[in-house]
C-alpha cells in the first residue's frame, strides 16, 4: 500500500491509499463510509490487497479528513479505539469523487470502476447521477444508506444533533462532540449538521421517502449492488432494499443485486467474502464485455 495525494479544484489535498495492481488495465476507486479510513477499516484493506494480487489497482478514496486517525476512549466498552473523518464537508462530495476519477483517467487506466461502501455508496451515486463525463465504466454500490431512515434508528442522534446546533451557535463548529455520533464515533459539530442537511446524499430514500431518486435514474454505466443479508440499517429486508434501489435505475436488468449471506452492514468477519465478491463482479463484467 502506498499513499496517494489528490488535489481538488478548490485546492485541498485529499490523501488516499493505493494498492497497485501492476498495470493500467483496471482500477477500482473505493469511497469509504463515514468515520472510516484504511487504517482502521479492515474491509478496505482486504479489498485492496485481494484486487492488487489479481492485477487490479485499488484506490481507497478518502474524503476531507478521513486519512487522519484519532484515538479515543470508548467508555461504554472501556477500550481505546481509532477513527477517521472527524471533520468532513458533504457539500463538496461531487468534487472529491471527481478528483479521484480524473486522477485515474489521467493515469491512463483503461477501465475505471467506481465503488462505495455505506455513505461512500451515496457519494458515488451522487457523482454518477450528475456527471456529464463518461469516465466510469462500471459501478459497485455496497451497503448504501437511506439517510433519513438511518437518522431515526441510530442511538443518541437527537442528543448529538441538538448539541451540534448549540456548538455551532456558539461558534464552536470545529469542536468534537462529547457523545459518540450514532453510538460509534466522535465527530465535529459542523460535520454532524452537514450530514443531516446533506440533501445531495439523500439519494436512496426507499424507506423514509425523503430524498431524490433522479441520481439513480441518471446513472449511465451498468453495475452491481452488494449488501449483507444481516444489514441492520435497511429496514429488515436487505435484498428488498437493494432491489428497490436497482429498480430506480434506468436499465435495472443490466445490473445485478448480490446478497452476502450472514454479513452485517460493515461486513464484520466477512471482509474476505466482501473482497471476493468485488473481485468476482469486476472479472465477470470485463471478461464478458471483452468478448
C-alpha atoms as a PDB file:
ATOM      1  CA  UNK A   1       0.000   0.000   0.000  1.00  0.00           C
ATOM      2  CA  UNK A   2       1.228   3.470  -0.928  1.00  0.00           C
ATOM      3  CA  UNK A   3      -0.043   6.895  -0.011  1.00  0.00           C
ATOM      4  CA  UNK A   4      -1.853   8.779  -2.757  1.00  0.00           C
ATOM      5  CA  UNK A   5      -2.252  12.559  -2.758  1.00  0.00           C
ATOM      6  CA  UNK A   6      -5.032  14.104  -4.820  1.00  0.00           C
ATOM      7  CA  UNK A   7      -5.592  17.846  -5.257  1.00  0.00           C
ATOM      8  CA  UNK A   8      -9.167  19.090  -5.667  1.00  0.00           C
ATOM      9  CA  UNK A   9     -10.261  22.099  -7.700  1.00  0.00           C
ATOM     10  CA  UNK A  10     -10.670  24.092  -4.505  1.00  0.00           C
ATOM     11  CA  UNK A  11      -7.016  23.456  -3.677  1.00  0.00           C
ATOM     12  CA  UNK A  12      -7.492  20.960  -0.853  1.00  0.00           C
ATOM     13  CA  UNK A  13      -5.227  17.923  -0.867  1.00  0.00           C
ATOM     14  CA  UNK A  14      -7.019  14.639  -0.276  1.00  0.00           C
ATOM     15  CA  UNK A  15      -4.908  11.754   0.974  1.00  0.00           C
ATOM     16  CA  UNK A  16      -5.875   8.302  -0.210  1.00  0.00           C
ATOM     17  CA  UNK A  17      -4.228   4.913  -0.427  1.00  0.00           C
ATOM     18  CA  UNK A  18      -3.369   2.832  -3.473  1.00  0.00           C
ATOM     19  CA  UNK A  19      -2.845  -0.921  -3.815  1.00  0.00           C
ATOM     20  CA  UNK A  20      -1.047  -1.194  -7.170  1.00  0.00           C
ATOM     21  CA  UNK A  21      -2.133  -3.985  -9.481  1.00  0.00           C
ATOM     22  CA  UNK A  22       0.990  -3.596 -11.622  1.00  0.00           C
ATOM     23  CA  UNK A  23      -0.701  -2.455 -14.837  1.00  0.00           C
ATOM     24  CA  UNK A  24      -3.016   0.212 -16.287  1.00  0.00           C
ATOM     25  CA  UNK A  25      -5.851  -2.128 -17.276  1.00  0.00           C
ATOM     26  CA  UNK A  26      -8.428  -1.915 -14.455  1.00  0.00           C
ATOM     27  CA  UNK A  27      -8.662   0.359 -11.427  1.00  0.00           C
ATOM     28  CA  UNK A  28     -11.262   0.323  -8.689  1.00  0.00           C
ATOM     29  CA  UNK A  29     -11.847   3.576  -6.805  1.00  0.00           C
ATOM     30  CA  UNK A  30     -13.476   2.843  -3.453  1.00  0.00           C
ATOM     31  CA  UNK A  31     -15.187   5.640  -1.494  1.00  0.00           C
ATOM     32  CA  UNK A  32     -15.101   4.744   2.181  1.00  0.00           C
ATOM     33  CA  UNK A  33     -18.037   5.207   4.528  1.00  0.00           C
ATOM     34  CA  UNK A  34     -18.488   7.757   7.267  1.00  0.00           C
ATOM     35  CA  UNK A  35     -15.861   7.624  10.052  1.00  0.00           C
ATOM     36  CA  UNK A  36     -13.847   5.133   8.039  1.00  0.00           C
ATOM     37  CA  UNK A  37     -10.346   5.003   6.645  1.00  0.00           C
ATOM     38  CA  UNK A  38      -7.819   2.438   5.501  1.00  0.00           C
ATOM     39  CA  UNK A  39      -6.053   2.492   8.869  1.00  0.00           C
ATOM     40  CA  UNK A  40      -8.992   1.262  10.928  1.00  0.00           C
ATOM     41  CA  UNK A  41     -11.319  -0.423   8.462  1.00  0.00           C
ATOM     42  CA  UNK A  42     -10.032  -3.884   7.546  1.00  0.00           C
ATOM     43  CA  UNK A  43     -12.732  -4.158   4.884  1.00  0.00           C
ATOM     44  CA  UNK A  44     -10.859  -1.612   2.763  1.00  0.00           C
ATOM     45  CA  UNK A  45      -7.501  -3.308   3.252  1.00  0.00           C
ATOM     46  CA  UNK A  46      -8.865  -6.767   2.433  1.00  0.00           C
ATOM     47  CA  UNK A  47     -10.375  -5.430  -0.785  1.00  0.00           C
ATOM     48  CA  UNK A  48      -7.242  -3.570  -1.831  1.00  0.00           C
ATOM     49  CA  UNK A  49      -4.940  -6.492  -1.152  1.00  0.00           C
ATOM     50  CA  UNK A  50      -7.066  -9.064  -2.998  1.00  0.00           C
ATOM     51  CA  UNK A  51      -7.617  -6.879  -6.053  1.00  0.00           C
ATOM     52  CA  UNK A  52      -3.951  -5.933  -6.379  1.00  0.00           C
ATOM     53  CA  UNK A  53      -2.922  -9.595  -6.152  1.00  0.00           C
ATOM     54  CA  UNK A  54      -5.214 -10.204  -9.116  1.00  0.00           C
ATOM     55  CA  UNK A  55      -3.821  -7.392 -11.256  1.00  0.00           C
ATOM     56  CA  UNK A  56      -6.442  -4.761 -10.414  1.00  0.00           C
ATOM     57  CA  UNK A  57      -5.299  -1.499  -8.878  1.00  0.00           C
ATOM     58  CA  UNK A  58      -7.423  -0.379  -5.927  1.00  0.00           C
ATOM     59  CA  UNK A  59      -7.570   3.240  -4.791  1.00  0.00           C
ATOM     60  CA  UNK A  60      -9.111   3.876  -1.378  1.00  0.00           C
ATOM     61  CA  UNK A  61     -10.614   7.320  -1.878  1.00  0.00           C
ATOM     62  CA  UNK A  62     -10.639   9.104   1.443  1.00  0.00           C
ATOM     63  CA  UNK A  63     -12.679  12.240   1.970  1.00  0.00           C
ATOM     64  CA  UNK A  64     -11.565  15.512   3.535  1.00  0.00           C
ATOM     65  CA  UNK A  65     -10.293  14.282   6.892  1.00  0.00           C
ATOM     66  CA  UNK A  66     -10.545  10.521   6.776  1.00  0.00           C
ATOM     67  CA  UNK A  67      -6.834   9.958   6.205  1.00  0.00           C
ATOM     68  CA  UNK A  68      -6.166  11.148   9.730  1.00  0.00           C
ATOM     69  CA  UNK A  69      -6.672   8.863  12.696  1.00  0.00           C
ATOM     70  CA  UNK A  70      -7.946   9.911  16.110  1.00  0.00           C
ATOM     71  CA  UNK A  71      -7.503   7.750  19.198  1.00  0.00           C
ATOM     72  CA  UNK A  72     -10.261   7.988  21.789  1.00  0.00           C
ATOM     73  CA  UNK A  73     -11.597   6.172  24.829  1.00  0.00           C
ATOM     74  CA  UNK A  74     -14.932   4.433  24.441  1.00  0.00           C
ATOM     75  CA  UNK A  75     -16.238   4.397  27.992  1.00  0.00           C
ATOM     76  CA  UNK A  76     -19.099   2.079  27.027  1.00  0.00           C
ATOM     77  CA  UNK A  77     -16.542  -0.679  26.388  1.00  0.00           C
ATOM     78  CA  UNK A  78     -13.572   0.568  28.387  1.00  0.00           C
ATOM     79  CA  UNK A  79     -11.312   0.283  25.342  1.00  0.00           C
ATOM     80  CA  UNK A  80      -9.238   2.588  23.182  1.00  0.00           C
ATOM     81  CA  UNK A  81     -10.432   2.937  19.574  1.00  0.00           C
ATOM     82  CA  UNK A  82      -9.323   4.716  16.428  1.00  0.00           C
ATOM     83  CA  UNK A  83     -11.454   6.585  13.947  1.00  0.00           C
ATOM     84  CA  UNK A  84     -11.220   8.910  10.952  1.00  0.00           C
ATOM     85  CA  UNK A  85     -13.475  11.533   9.367  1.00  0.00           C
ATOM     86  CA  UNK A  86     -13.950  13.673  12.427  1.00  0.00           C
ATOM     87  CA  UNK A  87     -14.261  16.576  10.013  1.00  0.00           C
ATOM     88  CA  UNK A  88     -15.940  16.385   6.617  1.00  0.00           C
ATOM     89  CA  UNK A  89     -17.713  18.706   4.194  1.00  0.00           C
ATOM     90  CA  UNK A  90     -20.556  16.894   2.471  1.00  0.00           C
ATOM     91  CA  UNK A  91     -21.370  19.847   0.223  1.00  0.00           C
ATOM     92  CA  UNK A  92     -18.271  19.148  -1.912  1.00  0.00           C
ATOM     93  CA  UNK A  93     -18.762  15.393  -2.366  1.00  0.00           C
ATOM     94  CA  UNK A  94     -19.042  15.686  -6.151  1.00  0.00           C
ATOM     95  CA  UNK A  95     -15.715  17.493  -6.377  1.00  0.00           C
ATOM     96  CA  UNK A  96     -13.999  14.982  -4.104  1.00  0.00           C
ATOM     97  CA  UNK A  97     -15.176  11.967  -6.119  1.00  0.00           C
ATOM     98  CA  UNK A  98     -14.428  13.693  -9.415  1.00  0.00           C
ATOM     99  CA  UNK A  99     -10.860  14.400  -8.286  1.00  0.00           C
ATOM    100  CA  UNK A 100     -10.138  10.680  -7.850  1.00  0.00           C
ATOM    101  CA  UNK A 101     -11.870   9.722 -11.105  1.00  0.00           C
ATOM    102  CA  UNK A 102      -9.973  12.340 -13.106  1.00  0.00           C
ATOM    103  CA  UNK A 103      -6.724  11.207 -11.495  1.00  0.00           C
ATOM    104  CA  UNK A 104      -7.357   7.639 -12.693  1.00  0.00           C
ATOM    105  CA  UNK A 105      -8.265   8.904 -16.151  1.00  0.00           C
ATOM    106  CA  UNK A 106      -5.088  10.987 -16.334  1.00  0.00           C
ATOM    107  CA  UNK A 107      -3.015   7.998 -15.241  1.00  0.00           C
ATOM    108  CA  UNK A 108      -4.284   6.116 -18.279  1.00  0.00           C
ATOM    109  CA  UNK A 109      -6.312   3.311 -16.731  1.00  0.00           C
ATOM    110  CA  UNK A 110      -8.350   1.566 -19.415  1.00  0.00           C
ATOM    111  CA  UNK A 111     -11.335   0.681 -17.226  1.00  0.00           C
ATOM    112  CA  UNK A 112     -12.433   2.735 -14.216  1.00  0.00           C
ATOM    113  CA  UNK A 113     -14.702   1.048 -11.670  1.00  0.00           C
ATOM    114  CA  UNK A 114     -16.260   3.392  -9.118  1.00  0.00           C
ATOM    115  CA  UNK A 115     -17.321   1.763  -5.867  1.00  0.00           C
ATOM    116  CA  UNK A 116     -18.538   2.821  -2.464  1.00  0.00           C
ATOM    117  CA  UNK A 117     -19.337   1.316   0.901  1.00  0.00           C
ATOM    118  CA  UNK A 118     -22.053   2.696   3.201  1.00  0.00           C
ATOM    119  CA  UNK A 119     -22.157   6.502   2.847  1.00  0.00           C
ATOM    120  CA  UNK A 120     -19.436   6.121   0.229  1.00  0.00           C
ATOM    121  CA  UNK A 121     -22.093   4.492  -1.956  1.00  0.00           C
ATOM    122  CA  UNK A 122     -24.348   7.512  -1.603  1.00  0.00           C
ATOM    123  CA  UNK A 123     -21.380   9.651  -2.644  1.00  0.00           C
ATOM    124  CA  UNK A 124     -20.752   7.723  -5.858  1.00  0.00           C
ATOM    125  CA  UNK A 125     -24.467   7.692  -6.706  1.00  0.00           C
ATOM    126  CA  UNK A 126     -24.431  11.484  -6.415  1.00  0.00           C
ATOM    127  CA  UNK A 127     -21.406  11.740  -8.689  1.00  0.00           C
ATOM    128  CA  UNK A 128     -22.586   9.197 -11.279  1.00  0.00           C
ATOM    129  CA  UNK A 129     -26.051  10.707 -11.456  1.00  0.00           C
ATOM    130  CA  UNK A 130     -24.770  14.216 -12.065  1.00  0.00           C
ATOM    131  CA  UNK A 131     -21.550  13.971 -14.045  1.00  0.00           C
ATOM    132  CA  UNK A 132     -21.516  14.922 -17.751  1.00  0.00           C
ATOM    133  CA  UNK A 133     -18.430  12.729 -18.229  1.00  0.00           C
ATOM    134  CA  UNK A 134     -18.290   9.080 -19.293  1.00  0.00           C
ATOM    135  CA  UNK A 135     -15.089   8.202 -17.455  1.00  0.00           C
ATOM    136  CA  UNK A 136     -16.574   5.428 -15.293  1.00  0.00           C
ATOM    137  CA  UNK A 137     -17.084   2.042 -16.958  1.00  0.00           C
ATOM    138  CA  UNK A 138     -18.724   0.146 -14.095  1.00  0.00           C
ATOM    139  CA  UNK A 139     -20.092   0.896 -10.624  1.00  0.00           C
ATOM    140  CA  UNK A 140     -20.358  -1.104  -7.415  1.00  0.00           C
ATOM    141  CA  UNK A 141     -22.761   0.181  -4.757  1.00  0.00           C
ATOM    142  CA  UNK A 142     -22.471  -1.657  -1.435  1.00  0.00           C
ATOM    143  CA  UNK A 143     -24.442  -1.106   1.785  1.00  0.00           C
ATOM    144  CA  UNK A 144     -25.845   2.331   0.860  1.00  0.00           C
ATOM    145  CA  UNK A 145     -27.995   4.137   3.399  1.00  0.00           C
ATOM    146  CA  UNK A 146     -31.352   5.857   3.389  1.00  0.00           C
ATOM    147  CA  UNK A 147     -30.028   8.782   5.414  1.00  0.00           C
ATOM    148  CA  UNK A 148     -33.279   9.919   6.989  1.00  0.00           C
ATOM    149  CA  UNK A 149     -34.187   6.358   7.964  1.00  0.00           C
ATOM    150  CA  UNK A 150     -30.673   5.918   9.376  1.00  0.00           C
ATOM    151  CA  UNK A 151     -31.116   9.117  11.345  1.00  0.00           C
ATOM    152  CA  UNK A 152     -34.168   7.666  13.091  1.00  0.00           C
ATOM    153  CA  UNK A 153     -32.649   4.353  14.168  1.00  0.00           C
ATOM    154  CA  UNK A 154     -29.162   5.344  15.339  1.00  0.00           C
ATOM    155  CA  UNK A 155     -28.760   5.799  19.133  1.00  0.00           C
ATOM    156  CA  UNK A 156     -28.405   9.276  20.688  1.00  0.00           C
ATOM    157  CA  UNK A 157     -28.834  11.005  17.332  1.00  0.00           C
ATOM    158  CA  UNK A 158     -31.186  13.703  18.641  1.00  0.00           C
ATOM    159  CA  UNK A 159     -28.846  14.456  21.530  1.00  0.00           C
ATOM    160  CA  UNK A 160     -25.886  14.761  19.141  1.00  0.00           C
ATOM    161  CA  UNK A 161     -27.873  16.881  16.696  1.00  0.00           C
ATOM    162  CA  UNK A 162     -29.127  19.318  19.338  1.00  0.00           C
ATOM    163  CA  UNK A 163     -25.690  19.629  20.903  1.00  0.00           C
ATOM    164  CA  UNK A 164     -24.141  20.169  17.471  1.00  0.00           C
ATOM    165  CA  UNK A 165     -26.548  23.043  16.834  1.00  0.00           C
ATOM    166  CA  UNK A 166     -25.617  24.531  20.189  1.00  0.00           C
ATOM    167  CA  UNK A 167     -21.888  24.267  19.414  1.00  0.00           C
ATOM    168  CA  UNK A 168     -22.332  25.903  16.011  1.00  0.00           C
ATOM    169  CA  UNK A 169     -24.412  28.717  17.517  1.00  0.00           C
ATOM    170  CA  UNK A 170     -21.525  29.285  19.927  1.00  0.00           C
ATOM    171  CA  UNK A 171     -19.006  29.363  17.039  1.00  0.00           C
ATOM    172  CA  UNK A 172     -17.604  26.008  18.134  1.00  0.00           C
ATOM    173  CA  UNK A 173     -18.351  24.108  14.929  1.00  0.00           C
ATOM    174  CA  UNK A 174     -14.905  22.502  14.803  1.00  0.00           C
ATOM    175  CA  UNK A 175     -15.236  21.098  18.315  1.00  0.00           C
ATOM    176  CA  UNK A 176     -15.768  17.346  18.624  1.00  0.00           C
ATOM    177  CA  UNK A 177     -18.983  16.365  20.379  1.00  0.00           C
ATOM    178  CA  UNK A 178     -18.601  14.619  23.754  1.00  0.00           C
ATOM    179  CA  UNK A 179     -21.031  11.903  22.607  1.00  0.00           C
ATOM    180  CA  UNK A 180     -20.359   9.190  20.045  1.00  0.00           C
ATOM    181  CA  UNK A 181     -22.130  10.101  16.835  1.00  0.00           C
ATOM    182  CA  UNK A 182     -24.544   7.286  16.064  1.00  0.00           C
ATOM    183  CA  UNK A 183     -23.061   5.411  19.001  1.00  0.00           C
ATOM    184  CA  UNK A 184     -19.861   4.539  17.138  1.00  0.00           C
ATOM    185  CA  UNK A 185     -17.583   7.521  16.531  1.00  0.00           C
ATOM    186  CA  UNK A 186     -16.619  11.066  17.517  1.00  0.00           C
ATOM    187  CA  UNK A 187     -17.497  13.817  15.046  1.00  0.00           C
ATOM    188  CA  UNK A 188     -17.260  17.582  14.888  1.00  0.00           C
ATOM    189  CA  UNK A 189     -20.394  19.683  15.304  1.00  0.00           C
ATOM    190  CA  UNK A 190     -20.116  21.047  11.753  1.00  0.00           C
ATOM    191  CA  UNK A 191     -19.845  17.533  10.307  1.00  0.00           C
ATOM    192  CA  UNK A 192     -22.916  16.329  12.228  1.00  0.00           C
ATOM    193  CA  UNK A 193     -25.086  19.159  10.940  1.00  0.00           C
ATOM    194  CA  UNK A 194     -23.607  18.793   7.467  1.00  0.00           C
ATOM    195  CA  UNK A 195     -24.523  15.117   7.412  1.00  0.00           C
ATOM    196  CA  UNK A 196     -28.103  15.813   8.447  1.00  0.00           C
ATOM    197  CA  UNK A 197     -28.535  18.545   5.825  1.00  0.00           C
ATOM    198  CA  UNK A 198     -26.696  16.700   3.011  1.00  0.00           C
ATOM    199  CA  UNK A 199     -29.577  16.675   0.534  1.00  0.00           C
ATOM    200  CA  UNK A 200     -27.130  15.680  -2.208  1.00  0.00           C
ATOM    201  CA  UNK A 201     -26.635  12.329  -0.431  1.00  0.00           C
ATOM    202  CA  UNK A 202     -30.299  11.587   0.272  1.00  0.00           C
ATOM    203  CA  UNK A 203     -30.449   9.538  -2.915  1.00  0.00           C
ATOM    204  CA  UNK A 204     -31.571   6.147  -1.532  1.00  0.00           C
ATOM    205  CA  UNK A 205     -34.926   7.119   0.048  1.00  0.00           C
ATOM    206  CA  UNK A 206     -36.731   3.789  -0.383  1.00  0.00           C
ATOM    207  CA  UNK A 207     -37.651   3.534   3.321  1.00  0.00           C
ATOM    208  CA  UNK A 208     -38.072   7.113   4.524  1.00  0.00           C
ATOM    209  CA  UNK A 209     -39.362   8.550   1.264  1.00  0.00           C
ATOM    210  CA  UNK A 210     -37.292  11.659   1.982  1.00  0.00           C
ATOM    211  CA  UNK A 211     -34.845  12.479  -0.787  1.00  0.00           C
ATOM    212  CA  UNK A 212     -34.424  12.241  -4.534  1.00  0.00           C
ATOM    213  CA  UNK A 213     -34.162   9.332  -6.965  1.00  0.00           C
ATOM    214  CA  UNK A 214     -33.131  11.167 -10.119  1.00  0.00           C
ATOM    215  CA  UNK A 215     -29.457  10.473  -9.426  1.00  0.00           C
ATOM    216  CA  UNK A 216     -30.059   6.711  -9.502  1.00  0.00           C
ATOM    217  CA  UNK A 217     -32.056   7.013 -12.725  1.00  0.00           C
ATOM    218  CA  UNK A 218     -29.362   9.136 -14.360  1.00  0.00           C
ATOM    219  CA  UNK A 219     -26.504   6.665 -13.795  1.00  0.00           C
ATOM    220  CA  UNK A 220     -25.143   5.695 -17.216  1.00  0.00           C
ATOM    221  CA  UNK A 221     -22.844   2.680 -16.687  1.00  0.00           C
ATOM    222  CA  UNK A 222     -24.025  -0.745 -15.588  1.00  0.00           C
ATOM    223  CA  UNK A 223     -23.077  -2.084 -12.191  1.00  0.00           C
ATOM    224  CA  UNK A 224     -23.696  -4.192  -9.122  1.00  0.00           C
ATOM    225  CA  UNK A 225     -25.496  -3.656  -5.822  1.00  0.00           C
ATOM    226  CA  UNK A 226     -23.961  -5.594  -2.916  1.00  0.00           C
ATOM    227  CA  UNK A 227     -25.369  -5.940   0.592  1.00  0.00           C
ATOM    228  CA  UNK A 228     -25.074  -8.199   3.609  1.00  0.00           C
ATOM    229  CA  UNK A 229     -28.147 -10.258   4.449  1.00  0.00           C
ATOM    230  CA  UNK A 230     -27.978  -9.008   8.053  1.00  0.00           C
ATOM    231  CA  UNK A 231     -27.514  -5.317   7.253  1.00  0.00           C
ATOM    232  CA  UNK A 232     -29.177  -3.555  10.190  1.00  0.00           C
ATOM    233  CA  UNK A 233     -29.957  -0.202   8.564  1.00  0.00           C
ATOM    234  CA  UNK A 234     -32.217  -1.248   5.691  1.00  0.00           C
ATOM    235  CA  UNK A 235     -35.492  -1.902   7.462  1.00  0.00           C
ATOM    236  CA  UNK A 236     -35.130  -5.666   7.905  1.00  0.00           C
ATOM    237  CA  UNK A 237     -35.142  -6.643   4.224  1.00  0.00           C
ATOM    238  CA  UNK A 238     -31.659  -6.272   2.775  1.00  0.00           C
ATOM    239  CA  UNK A 239     -32.337  -7.848  -0.608  1.00  0.00           C
ATOM    240  CA  UNK A 240     -35.642  -5.994  -0.971  1.00  0.00           C
ATOM    241  CA  UNK A 241     -33.925  -2.696  -0.179  1.00  0.00           C
ATOM    242  CA  UNK A 242     -31.357  -3.239  -2.907  1.00  0.00           C
ATOM    243  CA  UNK A 243     -33.903  -4.463  -5.429  1.00  0.00           C
ATOM    244  CA  UNK A 244     -35.889  -1.268  -4.893  1.00  0.00           C
ATOM    245  CA  UNK A 245     -32.782   0.827  -5.481  1.00  0.00           C
ATOM    246  CA  UNK A 246     -31.909  -1.078  -8.632  1.00  0.00           C
ATOM    247  CA  UNK A 247     -35.468  -0.691  -9.896  1.00  0.00           C
ATOM    248  CA  UNK A 248     -34.958   3.075  -9.784  1.00  0.00           C
ATOM    249  CA  UNK A 249     -32.080   2.918 -12.285  1.00  0.00           C
ATOM    250  CA  UNK A 250     -32.668   3.442 -15.997  1.00  0.00           C
ATOM    251  CA  UNK A 251     -31.716  -0.112 -17.004  1.00  0.00           C
ATOM    252  CA  UNK A 252     -32.170  -2.332 -13.909  1.00  0.00           C
ATOM    253  CA  UNK A 253     -31.941  -5.589 -15.884  1.00  0.00           C
ATOM    254  CA  UNK A 254     -28.373  -4.715 -16.874  1.00  0.00           C
ATOM    255  CA  UNK A 255     -27.347  -4.600 -13.208  1.00  0.00           C
ATOM    256  CA  UNK A 256     -27.129  -7.313 -10.557  1.00  0.00           C
ATOM    257  CA  UNK A 257     -28.084  -7.462  -6.879  1.00  0.00           C
ATOM    258  CA  UNK A 258     -25.806  -9.623  -4.730  1.00  0.00           C
ATOM    259  CA  UNK A 259     -26.546 -10.598  -1.118  1.00  0.00           C
ATOM    260  CA  UNK A 260     -23.640 -11.806   1.010  1.00  0.00           C
ATOM    261  CA  UNK A 261     -25.058 -14.383   3.480  1.00  0.00           C
ATOM    262  CA  UNK A 262     -24.859 -13.596   7.198  1.00  0.00           C
ATOM    263  CA  UNK A 263     -22.959 -10.339   6.603  1.00  0.00           C
ATOM    264  CA  UNK A 264     -23.660  -7.132   8.523  1.00  0.00           C
ATOM    265  CA  UNK A 265     -23.606  -3.539   7.304  1.00  0.00           C
ATOM    266  CA  UNK A 266     -19.831  -3.350   7.828  1.00  0.00           C
ATOM    267  CA  UNK A 267     -19.260  -6.996   6.817  1.00  0.00           C
ATOM    268  CA  UNK A 268     -17.750  -7.791  10.202  1.00  0.00           C
ATOM    269  CA  UNK A 269     -15.811 -11.075   9.983  1.00  0.00           C
ATOM    270  CA  UNK A 270     -16.838 -11.194   6.311  1.00  0.00           C
ATOM    271  CA  UNK A 271     -14.183  -8.894   4.845  1.00  0.00           C
ATOM    272  CA  UNK A 272     -12.681 -11.605   2.662  1.00  0.00           C
ATOM    273  CA  UNK A 273     -16.112 -12.595   1.342  1.00  0.00           C
ATOM    274  CA  UNK A 274     -16.805  -8.946   0.528  1.00  0.00           C
ATOM    275  CA  UNK A 275     -13.478  -8.539  -1.260  1.00  0.00           C
ATOM    276  CA  UNK A 276     -14.051 -11.754  -3.225  1.00  0.00           C
ATOM    277  CA  UNK A 277     -17.481 -10.508  -4.296  1.00  0.00           C
ATOM    278  CA  UNK A 278     -15.967  -7.255  -5.558  1.00  0.00           C
ATOM    279  CA  UNK A 279     -13.288  -9.158  -7.472  1.00  0.00           C
ATOM    280  CA  UNK A 280     -15.846 -11.523  -8.986  1.00  0.00           C
ATOM    281  CA  UNK A 281     -18.012  -8.614 -10.175  1.00  0.00           C
ATOM    282  CA  UNK A 282     -15.083  -6.964 -11.929  1.00  0.00           C
ATOM    283  CA  UNK A 283     -13.697 -10.118 -13.513  1.00  0.00           C
ATOM    284  CA  UNK A 284     -17.060 -11.305 -14.815  1.00  0.00           C
ATOM    285  CA  UNK A 285     -18.090  -7.919 -16.167  1.00  0.00           C
ATOM    286  CA  UNK A 286     -14.915  -7.182 -18.072  1.00  0.00           C
ATOM    287  CA  UNK A 287     -14.476 -10.770 -19.270  1.00  0.00           C
ATOM    288  CA  UNK A 288     -17.965 -10.532 -20.755  1.00  0.00           C
ATOM    289  CA  UNK A 289     -17.559  -7.091 -22.308  1.00  0.00           C
ATOM    290  CA  UNK A 290     -14.180  -8.057 -23.794  1.00  0.00           C
ATOM    291  CA  UNK A 291     -15.765 -10.858 -25.854  1.00  0.00           C
END
